[in-house]
Amino acid sequence: RGFDSWFGLPYSNDMIKPWVQTDKPLQLFRDTEPIEHPVNQDTLTERYTEEAVSFIKESGDSPFFLYLAHSMPHLPIRTSDRFRGTSRSGLYGDVIETIDWSTGRIREALREAGVEEDTLLIFTSDNGPWLNLPDRMLQDGNMHWHGGSPGPLRGSKATTYEGGMRVPMIACWPGHIPKGVRSDELASTMDFFPTILDVTNSEGPTDRTIDGKNILPLLETGERSPNDWFYYFRGKQLHAVRDKTWKLRQENADAPVELYHLGRDPREMYNVATDHPEIVSRLMQRMQDFRLSVTKS
């Protein structure tokens, strides 16, 4: 799908018995050729990392784009003997320690290759923790707490509460992004594409709508986000909308209307919809307009 090379699993690492009743083997691929079955998941994070390091070394001075999507900490979580028992948080903590090592190893490779100051490094996640585990997943060593935690946030993976949608993001680019700066501006992973286009002076496609916006000024100078709105979807269903302060949520026409002030109540504990009918009306109209625009397109 547009990449020159690939090393990894063709789907999530739980697509095997006993968690998924399938006879299709889960195999490790290099490009289009399967190279390992059954897959030793204990060492996947380390092997993905070393593949990434090798790619960086082989790239030399040539520009490159590297997408490293670890299988962990998706269930079933695994790590090698090297990292097992290194944290105070059990196996889940050990898995996170392994990913932490991986990030450090890649930064080290960038320095050794002399391209650290020419490389934008982005670290993030795709969704919140998997807390509402189906019974099929609670087998063969998987525990409820292996799904992670949203911290104080409400909800989890597959929900449109903040615990399911809001994830950490760290961007590093020496000489461009200041150290130690935090921001609560509104941004999403959809913004990476136009941002990378700007960083690489590349032209984007003109035959489709691009949902993201360039957040390079936000990263480099702390400017305000170019995003005024964010829309929360569960599959094809629009559940919620937020601006920089308020979030309106209504899963369907029969569901209750929820309004949260995310600045004061990021945990979404206090529904204040009845106290602010004008804000509800404004955000409800925004949801309806966006729903219509998506349907038309």
Protein backbone atom coordinates (compact mmCIF):
# COMPACT_ATOMS: atom_id res chain seq x y z
CA ARG A 1 0.00 0.00 0.00
CA GLY A 2 2.58 2.51 -1.12
CA PHE A 3 5.50 1.32 1.03
CA ASP A 4 8.76 0.05 -0.46
CA SER A 5 9.25 -2.63 2.20
CA TRP A 6 7.33 -4.23 5.04
CA PHE A 7 8.04 -6.47 8.02
CA GLY A 8 5.22 -7.51 10.32
CA LEU A 9 1.89 -9.23 10.92
CA PRO A 10 -0.97 -8.78 8.44
CA TYR A 11 -3.49 -8.14 11.23
CA SER A 12 -3.75 -7.88 15.01
CA ASN A 13 -1.77 -10.34 17.09
CA ASP A 14 -4.87 -11.92 18.69
CA MET A 15 -6.13 -13.38 15.40
CA ILE A 16 -5.34 -16.92 16.54
CA LYS A 17 -6.92 -19.52 18.77
CA PRO A 18 -8.09 -19.49 21.53
CA TRP A 19 -9.03 -15.80 21.18
CA VAL A 20 -10.32 -15.96 17.60
CA GLN A 21 -11.69 -19.19 16.21
CA THR A 22 -9.86 -19.28 12.90
CA ASP A 23 -7.81 -21.83 11.00
CA LYS A 24 -5.99 -19.14 9.05
CA PRO A 25 -2.42 -19.02 10.37
CA LEU A 26 -0.99 -15.86 11.90
CA GLN A 27 2.31 -15.46 10.10
CA LEU A 28 5.16 -12.97 10.19
CA PHE A 29 5.83 -11.50 6.75
CA ARG A 30 8.76 -9.85 5.06
CA ASP A 31 7.22 -7.95 2.18
CA THR A 32 4.82 -10.48 0.62
CA GLU A 33 6.54 -13.66 1.85
CA PRO A 34 5.64 -15.41 5.14
CA ILE A 35 8.81 -16.14 7.12
CA GLU A 36 7.61 -17.40 10.52
CA HIS A 37 4.76 -19.54 11.82
CA PRO A 38 3.91 -19.81 14.64
CA VAL A 39 5.06 -16.31 15.49
CA ASN A 40 7.28 -15.81 18.53
CA GLN A 41 5.46 -12.80 19.96
CA ASP A 42 7.84 -12.54 22.94
CA THR A 43 10.46 -10.87 20.76
CA LEU A 44 8.26 -8.96 18.29
CA THR A 45 8.88 -5.51 19.78
CA GLU A 46 12.65 -6.02 19.73
CA ARG A 47 12.65 -7.43 16.21
CA TYR A 48 10.48 -4.61 14.86
CA THR A 49 12.88 -2.17 16.49
CA GLU A 50 16.00 -3.71 15.01
CA GLU A 51 14.34 -3.77 11.58
CA ALA A 52 13.67 -0.05 11.98
CA VAL A 53 17.27 0.58 13.06
CA SER A 54 18.61 -1.34 10.08
CA PHE A 55 16.37 0.66 7.76
CA ILE A 56 17.65 3.94 9.21
CA LYS A 57 21.27 2.84 8.74
CA GLU A 58 20.69 1.66 5.18
CA SER A 59 18.93 4.90 4.24
CA GLY A 60 22.14 6.88 4.65
CA ASP A 61 21.61 10.51 3.67
CA SER A 62 18.48 9.74 1.63
CA PRO A 63 15.14 11.07 2.93
CA PHE A 64 12.92 8.37 4.39
CA PHE A 65 9.52 7.76 5.94
CA LEU A 66 9.36 5.01 8.57
CA TYR A 67 6.09 3.83 10.10
CA LEU A 68 6.66 1.59 13.13
CA ALA A 69 3.40 0.15 14.48
CA HIS A 70 4.15 -2.14 17.42
CA SER A 71 1.84 -5.09 18.02
CA MET A 72 2.15 -4.41 21.74
CA PRO A 73 0.46 -3.60 24.03
CA HIS A 74 -2.47 -5.10 22.11
CA LEU A 75 -3.60 -8.35 23.69
CA PRO A 76 -2.08 -10.86 24.09
CA ILE A 77 0.79 -8.86 25.58
CA ARG A 78 4.24 -10.40 25.38
CA THR A 79 7.85 -9.47 26.01
CA SER A 80 11.18 -11.26 26.15
CA ASP A 81 13.07 -12.58 29.17
CA ARG A 82 15.32 -9.53 28.86
CA PHE A 83 12.51 -7.22 29.95
CA ARG A 84 10.34 -9.53 32.00
CA GLY A 85 10.21 -8.41 35.63
CA THR A 86 11.84 -5.02 34.96
CA SER A 87 8.85 -2.94 36.06
CA ARG A 88 6.74 -2.70 39.21
CA SER A 89 3.53 -3.10 37.18
CA GLY A 90 3.66 -6.75 36.21
CA LEU A 91 3.68 -8.00 32.63
CA TYR A 92 1.88 -4.93 31.28
CA GLY A 93 4.51 -2.66 32.78
CA ASP A 94 7.26 -4.86 31.34
CA VAL A 95 5.72 -4.52 27.88
CA ILE A 96 5.66 -0.72 28.22
CA GLU A 97 9.29 -0.78 29.37
CA THR A 98 10.12 -2.66 26.17
CA ILE A 99 8.41 -0.02 24.03
CA ASP A 100 10.27 2.68 25.98
CA TRP A 101 13.54 0.91 25.18
CA SER A 102 12.48 0.69 21.53
CA THR A 103 11.93 4.45 21.30
CA GLY A 104 15.31 5.12 22.84
CA ARG A 105 17.00 2.66 20.50
CA ILE A 106 15.51 4.39 17.46
CA ARG A 107 16.57 7.84 18.70
CA GLU A 108 20.06 6.44 19.22
CA ALA A 109 20.07 5.11 15.65
CA LEU A 110 19.07 8.54 14.32
CA ARG A 111 21.95 10.15 16.22
CA GLU A 112 24.44 7.54 15.01
CA ALA A 113 23.28 8.07 11.43
CA GLY A 114 23.72 11.82 11.80
CA VAL A 115 20.12 12.56 10.86
CA GLU A 116 18.52 13.27 14.24
CA GLU A 117 18.26 17.01 13.56
CA ASP A 118 16.76 16.31 10.14
CA THR A 119 14.09 13.90 11.41
CA LEU A 120 10.65 14.58 12.81
CA LEU A 121 9.87 11.78 15.28
CA ILE A 122 6.24 11.29 16.36
CA PHE A 123 5.16 8.90 19.13
CA THR A 124 1.48 8.25 19.74
CA SER A 125 -1.25 5.62 19.99
CA ASP A 126 -4.33 4.73 17.97
CA ASN A 127 -6.95 4.52 20.73
CA GLY A 128 -7.54 4.21 24.42
CA PRO A 129 -7.27 1.02 26.50
CA TRP A 130 -9.37 -2.08 25.87
CA LEU A 131 -11.29 -2.28 29.14
CA ASN A 132 -14.57 -3.93 28.11
CA LEU A 133 -12.89 -7.19 27.19
CA PRO A 134 -15.12 -9.89 25.72
CA ASP A 135 -14.97 -13.26 27.47
CA ARG A 136 -13.09 -14.77 24.52
CA MET A 137 -10.08 -12.59 25.33
CA LEU A 138 -9.86 -13.64 28.99
CA GLN A 139 -8.07 -16.89 28.21
CA ASP A 140 -4.53 -18.23 28.10
CA GLY A 141 -3.00 -15.71 30.48
CA ASN A 142 -4.83 -12.54 29.45
CA MET A 143 -6.00 -10.49 32.44
CA HIS A 144 -8.38 -7.53 32.67
CA TRP A 145 -5.55 -5.18 33.65
CA HIS A 146 -3.51 -6.16 30.58
CA GLY A 147 -5.71 -3.78 28.58
CA GLY A 148 -4.14 -0.68 30.10
CA SER A 149 -5.74 2.32 31.79
CA PRO A 150 -7.24 5.65 30.66
CA GLY A 151 -6.09 7.26 33.90
CA PRO A 152 -8.76 9.65 35.15
CA LEU A 153 -10.58 9.77 31.81
CA ARG A 154 -13.99 8.20 31.25
CA GLY A 155 -14.50 5.44 28.71
CA SER A 156 -12.15 3.19 26.78
CA LYS A 157 -11.42 1.79 23.35
CA ALA A 158 -14.54 1.60 21.13
CA THR A 159 -16.26 4.44 22.99
CA THR A 160 -16.48 8.13 22.14
CA TYR A 161 -15.75 9.30 25.65
CA GLU A 162 -12.33 10.89 26.16
CA GLY A 163 -10.79 7.67 27.50
CA GLY A 164 -11.41 6.02 24.16
CA MET A 165 -10.30 8.84 21.89
CA ARG A 166 -7.72 10.96 23.71
CA VAL A 167 -4.19 9.56 23.60
CA PRO A 168 -0.71 10.90 24.39
CA MET A 169 1.40 12.34 21.56
CA ILE A 170 5.06 13.32 21.73
CA ALA A 171 6.84 15.02 18.84
CA CYS A 172 10.60 15.46 18.72
CA TRP A 173 12.64 17.42 16.18
CA PRO A 174 15.84 18.94 17.59
CA GLY A 175 16.30 22.53 16.51
CA HIS A 176 12.65 22.87 15.52
CA ILE A 177 10.46 21.74 18.42
CA PRO A 178 11.43 23.22 21.81
CA LYS A 179 12.17 20.79 24.64
CA GLY A 180 9.76 20.28 27.49
CA VAL A 181 6.83 22.16 25.97
CA ARG A 182 3.31 20.90 26.63
CA SER A 183 0.16 21.88 24.81
CA ASP A 184 -3.54 21.23 25.29
CA GLU A 185 -4.44 22.52 21.82
CA LEU A 186 -6.86 20.51 19.70
CA ALA A 187 -5.13 18.14 17.27
CA SER A 188 -5.51 14.59 15.98
CA THR A 189 -3.57 11.94 14.10
CA MET A 190 -5.39 13.09 10.95
CA ASP A 191 -3.20 16.19 11.15
CA PHE A 192 0.01 14.21 10.64
CA PHE A 193 -0.49 13.80 6.89
CA PRO A 194 -0.71 17.51 5.97
CA THR A 195 2.00 18.28 8.53
CA ILE A 196 4.40 15.80 6.94
CA LEU A 197 3.56 17.20 3.52
CA ASP A 198 4.68 20.61 4.78
CA VAL A 199 7.85 19.27 6.43
CA THR A 200 8.88 17.50 3.21
CA ASN A 201 7.74 20.30 0.84
CA SER A 202 5.46 17.79 -0.86
CA GLU A 203 2.25 18.27 -2.79
CA GLY A 204 -0.82 16.50 -1.48
CA PRO A 205 -3.65 14.98 -3.50
CA THR A 206 -6.22 17.39 -4.88
CA ASP A 207 -8.92 14.89 -5.82
CA ARG A 208 -10.27 14.31 -2.30
CA THR A 209 -11.07 16.04 0.97
CA ILE A 210 -8.21 16.00 3.47
CA ASP A 211 -9.61 16.02 6.99
CA GLY A 212 -6.41 16.94 8.82
CA LYS A 213 -4.63 20.28 9.02
CA ASN A 214 -0.99 21.30 9.19
CA ILE A 215 0.04 21.58 12.86
CA LEU A 216 3.73 22.31 12.27
CA PRO A 217 3.38 25.92 13.54
CA LEU A 218 1.74 24.52 16.68
CA LEU A 219 4.64 22.12 17.23
CA GLU A 220 7.41 24.59 16.45
CA THR A 221 6.20 27.83 17.98
CA GLY A 222 3.20 26.93 20.11
CA GLU A 223 0.72 28.71 17.89
CA ARG A 224 -2.94 27.93 18.36
CA SER A 225 -4.26 24.85 16.63
CA PRO A 226 -5.82 25.35 13.20
CA ASN A 227 -8.57 22.97 14.33
CA ASP A 228 -11.73 24.58 15.67
CA TRP A 229 -13.72 21.34 15.87
CA PHE A 230 -13.31 17.63 16.39
CA TYR A 231 -15.96 15.05 15.49
CA TYR A 232 -16.25 11.76 17.35
CA PHE A 233 -17.30 8.76 15.29
CA ARG A 234 -18.08 5.21 16.36
CA GLY A 235 -17.84 3.40 13.06
CA LYS A 236 -20.03 5.45 10.71
CA GLN A 237 -22.10 6.96 13.51
CA LEU A 238 -21.38 10.53 14.59
CA HIS A 239 -21.60 10.55 18.38
CA ALA A 240 -20.13 13.87 19.46
CA VAL A 241 -18.49 17.15 18.58
CA ARG A 242 -16.19 19.40 20.55
CA ASP A 243 -14.69 22.83 20.19
CA LYS A 244 -11.73 24.00 22.24
CA THR A 245 -13.80 23.98 25.44
CA TRP A 246 -17.15 22.21 25.13
CA LYS A 247 -18.12 18.69 24.07
CA LEU A 248 -21.64 17.71 23.05
CA ARG A 249 -22.42 14.00 22.90
CA GLN A 250 -25.53 12.15 21.72
CA GLU A 251 -25.05 8.61 20.42
CA ASN A 252 -28.38 8.55 18.57
CA ALA A 253 -31.66 10.42 18.35
CA ASP A 254 -33.11 8.52 21.31
CA ALA A 255 -30.05 8.88 23.54
CA PRO A 256 -29.73 11.59 26.19
CA VAL A 257 -27.88 14.78 25.30
CA GLU A 258 -24.62 15.19 27.20
CA LEU A 259 -22.62 18.41 27.51
CA TYR A 260 -19.22 18.60 29.20
CA HIS A 261 -16.82 21.48 29.84
CA LEU A 262 -13.58 19.68 28.99
CA GLY A 263 -11.43 22.38 30.55
CA ARG A 264 -13.01 21.93 33.99
CA ASP A 265 -14.30 18.40 33.59
CA PRO A 266 -12.04 16.31 31.32
CA ARG A 267 -13.34 13.20 33.10
CA GLU A 268 -16.84 13.87 31.73
CA MET A 269 -18.45 13.35 35.11
CA TYR A 270 -20.88 16.28 35.11
CA ASN A 271 -23.46 16.62 32.36
CA VAL A 272 -24.39 20.30 32.25
CA ALA A 273 -26.64 20.20 29.17
CA THR A 274 -29.68 21.56 31.03
CA ASP A 275 -27.66 24.53 32.31
CA HIS A 276 -26.46 25.69 28.88
CA PRO A 277 -29.24 25.29 26.30
CA GLU A 278 -27.64 27.86 23.97
CA ILE A 279 -24.38 25.89 23.82
CA VAL A 280 -26.30 22.65 23.26
CA SER A 281 -28.19 24.27 20.39
CA ARG A 282 -25.01 25.62 18.78
CA LEU A 283 -23.11 22.33 18.96
CA MET A 284 -26.13 20.27 17.94
CA GLN A 285 -26.41 22.39 14.79
CA ARG A 286 -22.71 21.85 14.15
CA MET A 287 -23.20 18.05 14.39
CA GLN A 288 -26.17 18.15 12.04
CA ASP A 289 -24.36 20.30 9.48
CA PHE A 290 -21.32 18.04 9.52
CA ARG A 291 -23.42 14.89 9.27
CA LEU A 292 -25.11 16.30 6.18
CA SER A 293 -21.82 17.34 4.61
CA VAL A 294 -20.38 13.85 5.04
CA THR A 295 -23.52 12.23 3.65
CA LYS A 296 -23.44 14.48 0.56
CA SER A 297 -19.77 13.79 -0.12
